[in-house]
Amino acid sequence: MTINEFCKMYHISHQAVYSAIRRHVKELKDHISKNSNEVKLLDDYAVEFLKPKNVSADKYNIVCEGNDKMRVQNISIVSDNEDLQKRINELESKVQKDKAAAESFRSDSSKYFQLSQEKDKRISELEKRISDITALLDEKDSRISDLEREISSLRELCSSQRSEITALKDKCSEQEEALTAAKVNKGIFGLGKR
């Protein structure tokens, strides 16, 4: 007879049977065996030994009521455990989603950090380039300014030389006129013949 069958037949809890077996290990040593499915079997001696002795109807009813209450509690506990397991599964699923979101955030954060560093590096390079170009422009502006001053000086010199050229042309014209007049006078007075 299996322990389960024994419990049903005598309306005894499994816990009570296993407790009695532990208390009387020596007496029951050779009277409990296992079948091929590893289920414990009781021989006739073990059944007689473990069978409840002189149980009154009241005590029997109290035990049955206790067993019924424990069965109801067990059903309630099993139901609560199932609800808790569902809740645990939901929470584990949420934790996994949160971990995935956190990992995605970490990855995005790392990418943004790298992009930010690249942007800062690029800005630094562009600022240096702008500084170099500004220095070059300042140098060219200075050179242009120098050239404009030189051009202005050359214009003044050119204007001054034009005035001198005009004055020289006027003087040449006067001298040519004087020379022409002198030639005419020579011809009139015969000074031109020798």
N, C-alpha and C. Protein backbone atom coordinates (compact mmCIF):
# COMPACT_ATOMS: atom_id res chain seq x y z
N MET A 1 0.85 -1.16 0.00
CA MET A 1 0.00 0.00 0.00
C MET A 1 0.91 1.24 0.00
N THR A 2 0.55 2.23 -0.83
CA THR A 2 1.34 3.47 -0.85
C THR A 2 0.94 4.34 0.33
N ILE A 3 1.80 5.28 0.65
CA ILE A 3 1.50 6.19 1.77
C ILE A 3 0.27 7.02 1.45
N ASN A 4 0.12 7.40 0.19
CA ASN A 4 -1.04 8.19 -0.22
C ASN A 4 -2.33 7.39 0.01
N GLU A 5 -2.33 6.13 -0.37
CA GLU A 5 -3.51 5.27 -0.15
C GLU A 5 -3.77 5.10 1.34
N PHE A 6 -2.72 4.92 2.12
CA PHE A 6 -2.85 4.77 3.57
C PHE A 6 -3.50 6.03 4.17
N CYS A 7 -3.06 7.19 3.75
CA CYS A 7 -3.60 8.46 4.28
C CYS A 7 -5.08 8.59 3.96
N LYS A 8 -5.46 8.21 2.74
CA LYS A 8 -6.86 8.31 2.36
C LYS A 8 -7.71 7.32 3.15
N MET A 9 -7.22 6.11 3.30
CA MET A 9 -7.98 5.07 3.99
C MET A 9 -8.24 5.44 5.45
N TYR A 10 -7.24 5.98 6.13
CA TYR A 10 -7.38 6.26 7.56
C TYR A 10 -7.57 7.75 7.86
N HIS A 11 -7.74 8.55 6.80
CA HIS A 11 -7.98 9.99 6.97
C HIS A 11 -6.91 10.64 7.85
N ILE A 12 -5.68 10.38 7.47
CA ILE A 12 -4.53 10.93 8.19
C ILE A 12 -3.74 11.78 7.20
N SER A 13 -3.18 12.85 7.69
CA SER A 13 -2.38 13.72 6.81
C SER A 13 -1.05 13.06 6.49
N HIS A 14 -0.52 13.40 5.35
CA HIS A 14 0.80 12.90 4.95
C HIS A 14 1.85 13.29 5.98
N GLN A 15 1.71 14.51 6.46
CA GLN A 15 2.68 15.02 7.44
C GLN A 15 2.71 14.13 8.69
N ALA A 16 1.52 13.72 9.14
CA ALA A 16 1.44 12.88 10.34
C ALA A 16 2.11 11.52 10.09
N VAL A 17 1.89 10.95 8.89
CA VAL A 17 2.49 9.65 8.57
C VAL A 17 4.00 9.75 8.51
N TYR A 18 4.51 10.76 7.80
CA TYR A 18 5.97 10.92 7.69
C TYR A 18 6.60 11.23 9.04
N SER A 19 5.88 11.98 9.85
CA SER A 19 6.37 12.28 11.20
C SER A 19 6.48 10.99 12.02
N ALA A 20 5.46 10.10 11.93
CA ALA A 20 5.48 8.82 12.66
C ALA A 20 6.60 7.92 12.13
N ILE A 21 6.82 7.94 10.83
CA ILE A 21 7.90 7.12 10.24
C ILE A 21 9.25 7.59 10.78
N ARG A 22 9.44 8.91 10.86
CA ARG A 22 10.71 9.44 11.38
C ARG A 22 10.90 9.08 12.85
N ARG A 23 9.81 9.09 13.62
CA ARG A 23 9.91 8.76 15.06
C ARG A 23 10.23 7.28 15.27
N HIS A 24 9.79 6.42 14.36
CA HIS A 24 9.94 4.97 14.54
C HIS A 24 10.76 4.36 13.40
N VAL A 25 11.86 5.00 13.07
CA VAL A 25 12.71 4.53 11.98
C VAL A 25 13.18 3.09 12.22
N LYS A 26 13.63 2.80 13.45
CA LYS A 26 14.17 1.46 13.74
C LYS A 26 13.10 0.38 13.57
N GLU A 27 11.90 0.64 14.12
CA GLU A 27 10.85 -0.38 14.06
C GLU A 27 10.36 -0.63 12.63
N LEU A 28 10.40 0.40 11.77
CA LEU A 28 9.83 0.29 10.41
C LEU A 28 10.90 0.09 9.34
N LYS A 29 12.16 -0.08 9.76
CA LYS A 29 13.29 -0.12 8.84
C LYS A 29 13.09 -1.08 7.67
N ASP A 30 12.71 -2.29 7.92
CA ASP A 30 12.59 -3.29 6.86
C ASP A 30 11.17 -3.42 6.33
N HIS A 31 10.28 -2.50 6.70
CA HIS A 31 8.86 -2.63 6.32
C HIS A 31 8.40 -1.53 5.37
N ILE A 32 9.32 -0.66 4.97
CA ILE A 32 8.98 0.38 3.99
C ILE A 32 9.95 0.22 2.82
N SER A 33 9.39 0.13 1.62
CA SER A 33 10.22 -0.04 0.42
C SER A 33 9.76 0.97 -0.64
N LYS A 34 10.45 0.95 -1.78
CA LYS A 34 10.08 1.85 -2.88
C LYS A 34 9.83 1.02 -4.13
N ASN A 35 8.84 1.45 -4.92
CA ASN A 35 8.58 0.74 -6.18
C ASN A 35 9.46 1.34 -7.28
N SER A 36 9.24 0.95 -8.51
CA SER A 36 10.09 1.40 -9.63
C SER A 36 9.96 2.91 -9.88
N ASN A 37 8.88 3.50 -9.44
CA ASN A 37 8.68 4.95 -9.60
C ASN A 37 9.15 5.73 -8.39
N GLU A 38 9.89 5.08 -7.50
CA GLU A 38 10.41 5.70 -6.27
C GLU A 38 9.30 6.12 -5.30
N VAL A 39 8.12 5.48 -5.40
CA VAL A 39 7.01 5.75 -4.47
C VAL A 39 7.15 4.78 -3.29
N LYS A 40 7.05 5.32 -2.06
CA LYS A 40 7.22 4.48 -0.86
C LYS A 40 6.00 3.57 -0.69
N LEU A 41 6.30 2.30 -0.34
CA LEU A 41 5.25 1.30 -0.11
C LEU A 41 5.35 0.80 1.33
N LEU A 42 4.18 0.61 1.94
CA LEU A 42 4.12 0.08 3.32
C LEU A 42 3.67 -1.38 3.25
N ASP A 43 4.38 -2.27 3.99
CA ASP A 43 3.91 -3.66 4.06
C ASP A 43 2.84 -3.75 5.16
N ASP A 44 2.27 -4.94 5.38
CA ASP A 44 1.17 -5.11 6.35
C ASP A 44 1.59 -4.70 7.75
N TYR A 45 2.81 -5.06 8.15
CA TYR A 45 3.29 -4.70 9.48
C TYR A 45 3.31 -3.18 9.64
N ALA A 46 3.84 -2.45 8.63
CA ALA A 46 3.93 -0.98 8.69
C ALA A 46 2.53 -0.38 8.75
N VAL A 47 1.60 -0.97 7.99
CA VAL A 47 0.22 -0.46 8.01
C VAL A 47 -0.37 -0.61 9.40
N GLU A 48 -0.22 -1.81 10.01
CA GLU A 48 -0.74 -2.05 11.38
C GLU A 48 -0.06 -1.12 12.37
N PHE A 49 1.25 -0.95 12.21
CA PHE A 49 2.01 -0.14 13.16
C PHE A 49 1.60 1.34 13.09
N LEU A 50 1.37 1.84 11.87
CA LEU A 50 1.06 3.27 11.69
C LEU A 50 -0.42 3.59 11.79
N LYS A 51 -1.26 2.55 11.75
CA LYS A 51 -2.70 2.76 11.77
C LYS A 51 -3.09 3.43 13.09
N PRO A 52 -4.00 4.44 13.03
CA PRO A 52 -4.42 5.12 14.26
C PRO A 52 -5.05 4.13 15.24
N LYS A 53 -4.75 4.27 16.52
CA LYS A 53 -5.25 3.37 17.56
C LYS A 53 -6.31 4.09 18.38
N ASN A 54 -7.40 3.42 18.66
CA ASN A 54 -8.45 3.92 19.54
C ASN A 54 -8.79 5.39 19.29
N VAL A 55 -9.11 5.72 18.08
CA VAL A 55 -9.49 7.10 17.78
C VAL A 55 -10.98 7.20 17.99
N SER A 56 -11.38 8.16 18.82
CA SER A 56 -12.81 8.36 19.08
C SER A 56 -13.43 9.08 17.90
N ALA A 57 -14.74 8.99 17.79
CA ALA A 57 -15.47 9.64 16.69
C ALA A 57 -15.28 11.14 16.75
N ASP A 58 -15.30 11.70 17.99
CA ASP A 58 -15.12 13.15 18.13
C ASP A 58 -13.74 13.57 17.64
N LYS A 59 -12.74 12.80 18.09
CA LYS A 59 -11.37 13.13 17.70
C LYS A 59 -11.23 12.97 16.19
N TYR A 60 -11.84 11.93 15.66
CA TYR A 60 -11.79 11.69 14.22
C TYR A 60 -12.43 12.85 13.47
N ASN A 61 -13.61 13.29 13.94
CA ASN A 61 -14.31 14.41 13.29
C ASN A 61 -13.49 15.70 13.38
N ILE A 62 -12.86 15.92 14.54
CA ILE A 62 -12.03 17.12 14.72
C ILE A 62 -10.86 17.09 13.73
N VAL A 63 -10.24 15.92 13.61
CA VAL A 63 -9.12 15.78 12.68
C VAL A 63 -9.60 16.01 11.25
N CYS A 64 -10.78 15.43 10.92
CA CYS A 64 -11.32 15.61 9.56
C CYS A 64 -11.62 17.08 9.28
N GLU A 65 -12.22 17.75 10.27
CA GLU A 65 -12.50 19.18 10.10
C GLU A 65 -11.21 19.97 9.93
N GLY A 66 -10.22 19.60 10.75
CA GLY A 66 -8.91 20.26 10.63
C GLY A 66 -8.31 20.03 9.25
N ASN A 67 -8.44 18.77 8.78
CA ASN A 67 -7.93 18.47 7.44
C ASN A 67 -8.66 19.26 6.37
N ASP A 68 -10.00 19.36 6.53
CA ASP A 68 -10.79 20.13 5.56
C ASP A 68 -10.37 21.60 5.57
N LYS A 69 -10.18 22.16 6.78
CA LYS A 69 -9.75 23.56 6.89
C LYS A 69 -8.38 23.74 6.23
N MET A 70 -7.50 22.75 6.51
CA MET A 70 -6.16 22.85 5.92
C MET A 70 -6.23 22.72 4.40
N ARG A 71 -7.15 21.88 3.89
CA ARG A 71 -7.32 21.75 2.45
C ARG A 71 -7.78 23.07 1.84
N VAL A 72 -8.75 23.72 2.50
CA VAL A 72 -9.24 25.02 2.03
C VAL A 72 -8.11 26.05 2.07
N GLN A 73 -7.36 26.04 3.19
CA GLN A 73 -6.23 26.97 3.31
C GLN A 73 -5.19 26.68 2.23
N ASN A 74 -4.98 25.39 2.00
CA ASN A 74 -4.01 25.00 0.98
C ASN A 74 -4.44 25.49 -0.39
N ILE A 75 -5.74 25.32 -0.70
CA ILE A 75 -6.27 25.80 -1.99
C ILE A 75 -6.09 27.31 -2.09
N SER A 76 -6.40 28.00 -0.99
CA SER A 76 -6.26 29.46 -0.96
C SER A 76 -4.79 29.86 -1.14
N ILE A 77 -3.91 29.13 -0.45
CA ILE A 77 -2.47 29.44 -0.55
C ILE A 77 -1.97 29.16 -1.96
N VAL A 78 -2.43 28.04 -2.54
CA VAL A 78 -2.03 27.71 -3.92
C VAL A 78 -2.51 28.80 -4.87
N SER A 79 -3.76 29.25 -4.68
CA SER A 79 -4.30 30.32 -5.52
C SER A 79 -3.49 31.60 -5.34
N ASP A 80 -3.19 31.93 -4.06
CA ASP A 80 -2.37 33.12 -3.78
C ASP A 80 -0.99 32.99 -4.42
N ASN A 81 -0.43 31.76 -4.31
CA ASN A 81 0.89 31.53 -4.91
C ASN A 81 0.85 31.71 -6.42
N GLU A 82 -0.23 31.21 -7.04
CA GLU A 82 -0.36 31.38 -8.50
C GLU A 82 -0.46 32.86 -8.85
N ASP A 83 -1.27 33.61 -8.05
CA ASP A 83 -1.38 35.06 -8.28
C ASP A 83 -0.03 35.74 -8.09
N LEU A 84 0.67 35.33 -7.02
CA LEU A 84 2.00 35.90 -6.77
C LEU A 84 2.97 35.55 -7.90
N GLN A 85 2.88 34.31 -8.39
CA GLN A 85 3.76 33.91 -9.49
C GLN A 85 3.47 34.74 -10.74
N LYS A 86 2.17 34.97 -11.01
CA LYS A 86 1.81 35.82 -12.15
C LYS A 86 2.40 37.22 -11.97
N ARG A 87 2.25 37.74 -10.75
CA ARG A 87 2.77 39.08 -10.45
C ARG A 87 4.30 39.11 -10.59
N ILE A 88 4.94 38.03 -10.09
CA ILE A 88 6.41 37.93 -10.22
C ILE A 88 6.80 37.91 -11.69
N ASN A 89 6.05 37.12 -12.49
CA ASN A 89 6.35 37.04 -13.93
C ASN A 89 6.18 38.41 -14.59
N GLU A 90 5.09 39.11 -14.21
CA GLU A 90 4.86 40.45 -14.76
C GLU A 90 6.00 41.39 -14.37
N LEU A 91 6.39 41.33 -13.09
CA LEU A 91 7.47 42.20 -12.62
C LEU A 91 8.80 41.85 -13.29
N GLU A 92 9.05 40.53 -13.45
CA GLU A 92 10.29 40.12 -14.13
C GLU A 92 10.29 40.62 -15.57
N SER A 93 9.11 40.52 -16.22
CA SER A 93 9.00 41.02 -17.59
C SER A 93 9.25 42.53 -17.64
N LYS A 94 8.66 43.24 -16.66
CA LYS A 94 8.86 44.69 -16.59
C LYS A 94 10.32 45.02 -16.33
N VAL A 95 10.94 44.25 -15.43
CA VAL A 95 12.37 44.47 -15.13
C VAL A 95 13.20 44.26 -16.39
N GLN A 96 12.88 43.20 -17.16
CA GLN A 96 13.62 42.94 -18.40
C GLN A 96 13.44 44.09 -19.39
N LYS A 97 12.19 44.58 -19.50
CA LYS A 97 11.94 45.72 -20.39
C LYS A 97 12.70 46.95 -19.91
N ASP A 98 12.66 47.18 -18.59
CA ASP A 98 13.38 48.33 -18.02
C ASP A 98 14.89 48.19 -18.25
N LYS A 99 15.41 46.96 -18.10
CA LYS A 99 16.84 46.73 -18.35
C LYS A 99 17.17 47.03 -19.81
N ALA A 100 16.29 46.54 -20.72
CA ALA A 100 16.52 46.79 -22.15
C ALA A 100 16.47 48.28 -22.44
N ALA A 101 15.49 48.97 -21.83
CA ALA A 101 15.38 50.42 -22.02
C ALA A 101 16.61 51.13 -21.46
N ALA A 102 17.07 50.69 -20.29
CA ALA A 102 18.26 51.29 -19.67
C ALA A 102 19.48 51.06 -20.55
N GLU A 103 19.59 49.84 -21.09
CA GLU A 103 20.73 49.53 -21.97
C GLU A 103 20.67 50.38 -23.23
N SER A 104 19.45 50.52 -23.78
CA SER A 104 19.27 51.37 -24.96
C SER A 104 19.64 52.81 -24.63
N PHE A 105 19.20 53.27 -23.44
CA PHE A 105 19.52 54.64 -23.00
C PHE A 105 21.03 54.80 -22.85
N ARG A 106 21.68 53.78 -22.24
CA ARG A 106 23.14 53.83 -22.08
C ARG A 106 23.83 53.92 -23.44
N SER A 107 23.35 53.10 -24.38
CA SER A 107 23.92 53.09 -25.72
C SER A 107 23.72 54.45 -26.40
N ASP A 108 22.46 54.98 -26.31
CA ASP A 108 22.18 56.29 -26.89
C ASP A 108 23.01 57.36 -26.22
N SER A 109 23.11 57.28 -24.91
CA SER A 109 23.89 58.26 -24.14
C SER A 109 25.35 58.23 -24.58
N SER A 110 25.87 57.03 -24.79
CA SER A 110 27.26 56.89 -25.24
C SER A 110 27.42 57.50 -26.63
N LYS A 111 26.45 57.23 -27.52
CA LYS A 111 26.50 57.79 -28.87
C LYS A 111 26.44 59.31 -28.81
N TYR A 112 25.50 59.84 -27.98
CA TYR A 112 25.38 61.29 -27.86
C TYR A 112 26.66 61.89 -27.30
N PHE A 113 27.28 61.20 -26.35
CA PHE A 113 28.53 61.69 -25.76
C PHE A 113 29.62 61.74 -26.83
N GLN A 114 29.71 60.67 -27.63
CA GLN A 114 30.72 60.64 -28.71
C GLN A 114 30.45 61.74 -29.72
N LEU A 115 29.16 61.90 -30.10
CA LEU A 115 28.81 62.95 -31.05
C LEU A 115 29.12 64.32 -30.48
N SER A 116 28.86 64.49 -29.19
CA SER A 116 29.15 65.77 -28.53
C SER A 116 30.65 66.04 -28.55
N GLN A 117 31.45 65.00 -28.27
CA GLN A 117 32.91 65.18 -28.31
C GLN A 117 33.38 65.52 -29.72
N GLU A 118 32.81 64.81 -30.72
CA GLU A 118 33.17 65.09 -32.11
C GLU A 118 32.77 66.52 -32.48
N LYS A 119 31.57 66.93 -32.03
CA LYS A 119 31.09 68.29 -32.31
C LYS A 119 32.03 69.31 -31.67
N ASP A 120 32.39 69.09 -30.41
CA ASP A 120 33.30 70.01 -29.72
C ASP A 120 34.65 70.08 -30.43
N LYS A 121 35.14 68.93 -30.88
CA LYS A 121 36.42 68.89 -31.60
C LYS A 121 36.29 69.66 -32.91
N ARG A 122 35.19 69.44 -33.62
CA ARG A 122 34.96 70.13 -34.91
C ARG A 122 34.83 71.63 -34.68
N ILE A 123 34.10 72.02 -33.63
CA ILE A 123 33.96 73.45 -33.32
C ILE A 123 35.32 74.05 -33.02
N SER A 124 36.13 73.33 -32.26
CA SER A 124 37.48 73.81 -31.92
C SER A 124 38.31 73.98 -33.19
N GLU A 125 38.23 72.99 -34.10
CA GLU A 125 38.96 73.08 -35.36
C GLU A 125 38.49 74.28 -36.18
N LEU A 126 37.15 74.46 -36.25
CA LEU A 126 36.60 75.58 -37.02
C LEU A 126 36.97 76.92 -36.39
N GLU A 127 36.96 77.00 -35.05
CA GLU A 127 37.36 78.24 -34.38
C GLU A 127 38.81 78.57 -34.69
N LYS A 128 39.69 77.54 -34.72
CA LYS A 128 41.10 77.76 -35.05
C LYS A 128 41.21 78.23 -36.49
N ARG A 129 40.44 77.59 -37.37
CA ARG A 129 40.48 77.97 -38.78
C ARG A 129 39.98 79.40 -38.96
N ILE A 130 38.90 79.75 -38.26
CA ILE A 130 38.37 81.12 -38.32
C ILE A 130 39.43 82.10 -37.82
N SER A 131 40.10 81.73 -36.73
CA SER A 131 41.16 82.58 -36.17
C SER A 131 42.28 82.76 -37.19
N ASP A 132 42.68 81.65 -37.85
CA ASP A 132 43.74 81.74 -38.87
C ASP A 132 43.30 82.62 -40.03
N ILE A 133 42.05 82.43 -40.49
CA ILE A 133 41.53 83.23 -41.61
C ILE A 133 41.42 84.69 -41.20
N THR A 134 40.97 84.95 -39.96
CA THR A 134 40.87 86.32 -39.46
C THR A 134 42.25 86.97 -39.44
N ALA A 135 43.26 86.23 -38.98
CA ALA A 135 44.63 86.76 -38.96
C ALA A 135 45.10 87.05 -40.38
N LEU A 136 44.80 86.15 -41.32
CA LEU A 136 45.17 86.34 -42.71
C LEU A 136 44.46 87.57 -43.29
N LEU A 137 43.16 87.71 -42.97
CA LEU A 137 42.40 88.87 -43.44
C LEU A 137 42.97 90.16 -42.86
N ASP A 138 43.32 90.12 -41.56
CA ASP A 138 43.93 91.30 -40.93
C ASP A 138 45.23 91.67 -41.64
N GLU A 139 46.02 90.64 -41.96
CA GLU A 139 47.28 90.87 -42.67
C GLU A 139 47.02 91.46 -44.05
N LYS A 140 46.02 90.91 -44.76
CA LYS A 140 45.68 91.41 -46.09
C LYS A 140 45.13 92.83 -46.00
N ASP A 141 44.27 93.08 -44.97
CA ASP A 141 43.74 94.44 -44.78
C ASP A 141 44.88 95.42 -44.55
N SER A 142 45.87 95.01 -43.74
CA SER A 142 47.03 95.86 -43.48
C SER A 142 47.80 96.11 -44.77
N ARG A 143 47.98 95.04 -45.57
CA ARG A 143 48.70 95.17 -46.85
C ARG A 143 47.92 96.07 -47.80
N ILE A 144 46.59 95.89 -47.84
CA ILE A 144 45.74 96.74 -48.70
C ILE A 144 45.87 98.19 -48.26
N SER A 145 45.84 98.40 -46.95
CA SER A 145 45.98 99.76 -46.42
C SER A 145 47.32 100.36 -46.83
N ASP A 146 48.39 99.55 -46.71
CA ASP A 146 49.72 100.02 -47.14
C ASP A 146 49.72 100.35 -48.63
N LEU A 147 49.11 99.46 -49.44
CA LEU A 147 49.07 99.69 -50.88
C LEU A 147 48.24 100.92 -51.22
N GLU A 148 47.12 101.12 -50.50
CA GLU A 148 46.29 102.31 -50.74
C GLU A 148 47.09 103.58 -50.43
N ARG A 149 47.87 103.55 -49.33
CA ARG A 149 48.72 104.70 -49.00
C ARG A 149 49.77 104.92 -50.09
N GLU A 150 50.35 103.81 -50.56
CA GLU A 150 51.36 103.91 -51.61
C GLU A 150 50.74 104.45 -52.89
N ILE A 151 49.52 103.95 -53.23
CA ILE A 151 48.82 104.43 -54.42
C ILE A 151 48.52 105.92 -54.28
N SER A 152 48.06 106.30 -53.09
CA SER A 152 47.75 107.71 -52.85
C SER A 152 49.01 108.56 -53.02
N SER A 153 50.13 108.08 -52.47
CA SER A 153 51.41 108.81 -52.61
C SER A 153 51.80 108.90 -54.08
N LEU A 154 51.64 107.77 -54.81
CA LEU A 154 51.99 107.76 -56.23
C LEU A 154 51.08 108.69 -57.02
N ARG A 155 49.79 108.75 -56.66
CA ARG A 155 48.86 109.66 -57.35
C ARG A 155 49.28 111.11 -57.13
N GLU A 156 49.63 111.39 -55.84
CA GLU A 156 50.08 112.75 -55.55
C GLU A 156 51.34 113.07 -56.35
N LEU A 157 52.28 112.08 -56.38
CA LEU A 157 53.51 112.27 -57.15
C LEU A 157 53.20 112.45 -58.62
N CYS A 158 52.27 111.62 -59.13
CA CYS A 158 51.87 111.67 -60.53
C CYS A 158 51.24 113.03 -60.84
N SER A 159 50.36 113.46 -59.93
CA SER A 159 49.69 114.75 -60.10
C SER A 159 50.72 115.88 -60.09
N SER A 160 51.67 115.77 -59.17
CA SER A 160 52.74 116.78 -59.08
C SER A 160 53.57 116.77 -60.35
N GLN A 161 53.91 115.57 -60.86
CA GLN A 161 54.72 115.48 -62.07
C GLN A 161 53.93 115.98 -63.29
N ARG A 162 52.61 115.74 -63.32
CA ARG A 162 51.79 116.26 -64.41
C ARG A 162 51.84 117.79 -64.43
N SER A 163 51.74 118.32 -63.19
CA SER A 163 51.80 119.79 -63.10
C SER A 163 53.15 120.29 -63.63
N GLU A 164 54.22 119.59 -63.24
CA GLU A 164 55.56 119.98 -63.72
C GLU A 164 55.64 119.83 -65.24
N ILE A 165 55.07 118.68 -65.75
CA ILE A 165 55.09 118.45 -67.19
C ILE A 165 54.33 119.55 -67.91
N THR A 166 53.15 119.89 -67.36
CA THR A 166 52.34 120.96 -67.97
C THR A 166 53.13 122.27 -67.95
N ALA A 167 53.78 122.54 -66.80
CA ALA A 167 54.57 123.78 -66.70
C ALA A 167 55.72 123.75 -67.71
N LEU A 168 56.37 122.56 -67.85
CA LEU A 168 57.47 122.43 -68.80
C LEU A 168 56.96 122.57 -70.24
N LYS A 169 55.79 122.00 -70.52
CA LYS A 169 55.20 122.12 -71.86
C LYS A 169 54.91 123.59 -72.16
N ASP A 170 54.34 124.24 -71.13
CA ASP A 170 54.04 125.68 -71.32
C ASP A 170 55.34 126.46 -71.59
N LYS A 171 56.40 126.13 -70.82
CA LYS A 171 57.69 126.80 -70.97
C LYS A 171 58.26 126.49 -72.35
N CYS A 172 58.13 125.20 -72.78
CA CYS A 172 58.62 124.81 -74.10
C CYS A 172 57.87 125.58 -75.19
N SER A 173 56.55 125.68 -75.01
CA SER A 173 55.74 126.41 -75.98
C SER A 173 56.19 127.87 -76.05
N GLU A 174 56.43 128.43 -74.89
CA GLU A 174 56.88 129.83 -74.85
C GLU A 174 58.23 129.96 -75.55
N GLN A 175 59.12 129.00 -75.27
CA GLN A 175 60.46 129.06 -75.87
C GLN A 175 60.38 128.83 -77.38
N GLU A 176 59.47 127.94 -77.81
CA GLU A 176 59.30 127.70 -79.25
C GLU A 176 58.77 128.97 -79.91
N GLU A 177 57.82 129.59 -79.22
CA GLU A 177 57.28 130.84 -79.78
C GLU A 177 58.38 131.91 -79.83
N ALA A 178 59.17 131.94 -78.74
CA ALA A 178 60.26 132.94 -78.72
C ALA A 178 61.28 132.63 -79.82
N LEU A 179 61.55 131.34 -80.02
CA LEU A 179 62.50 130.92 -81.04
C LEU A 179 61.96 131.25 -82.42
N THR A 180 60.69 130.98 -82.61
CA THR A 180 60.06 131.27 -83.90
C THR A 180 60.09 132.78 -84.13
N ALA A 181 59.79 133.51 -83.09
CA ALA A 181 59.80 134.98 -83.21
C ALA A 181 61.22 135.46 -83.50
N ALA A 182 62.20 134.83 -82.88
CA ALA A 182 63.58 135.23 -83.09
C ALA A 182 64.00 134.92 -84.52
N LYS A 183 63.54 133.81 -85.06
CA LYS A 183 63.86 133.44 -86.44
C LYS A 183 63.23 134.44 -87.39
N VAL A 184 62.04 134.79 -87.10
CA VAL A 184 61.34 135.75 -87.95
C VAL A 184 62.09 137.09 -87.89
N ASN A 185 62.50 137.48 -86.73
CA ASN A 185 63.22 138.74 -86.56
C ASN A 185 64.57 138.67 -87.27
N LYS A 186 65.21 137.57 -87.27
CA LYS A 186 66.49 137.41 -87.94
C LYS A 186 66.28 137.57 -89.44
N GLY A 187 65.21 136.98 -89.90
CA GLY A 187 64.93 137.05 -91.34
C GLY A 187 64.57 138.46 -91.75
N ILE A 188 63.94 139.18 -90.92
CA ILE A 188 63.50 140.52 -91.24
C ILE A 188 64.72 141.46 -91.20
N PHE A 189 65.49 141.29 -90.24
CA PHE A 189 66.62 142.20 -90.09
C PHE A 189 67.89 141.67 -90.76
N GLY A 190 67.77 140.53 -91.37
CA GLY A 190 68.88 139.96 -92.09
C GLY A 190 69.95 139.39 -91.22
N LEU A 191 69.61 139.13 -90.09
CA LEU A 191 70.59 138.58 -89.19
C LEU A 191 70.82 137.10 -89.48
N GLY A 192 69.90 136.53 -90.20
CA GLY A 192 70.00 135.10 -90.45
C GLY A 192 71.01 134.81 -91.53
N LYS A 193 71.54 135.82 -92.30
CA LYS A 193 72.47 135.56 -93.38
C LYS A 193 73.86 135.87 -92.90
N ARG A 194 74.80 135.11 -93.21
CA ARG A 194 76.16 135.37 -92.79
C ARG A 194 77.09 135.21 -93.91
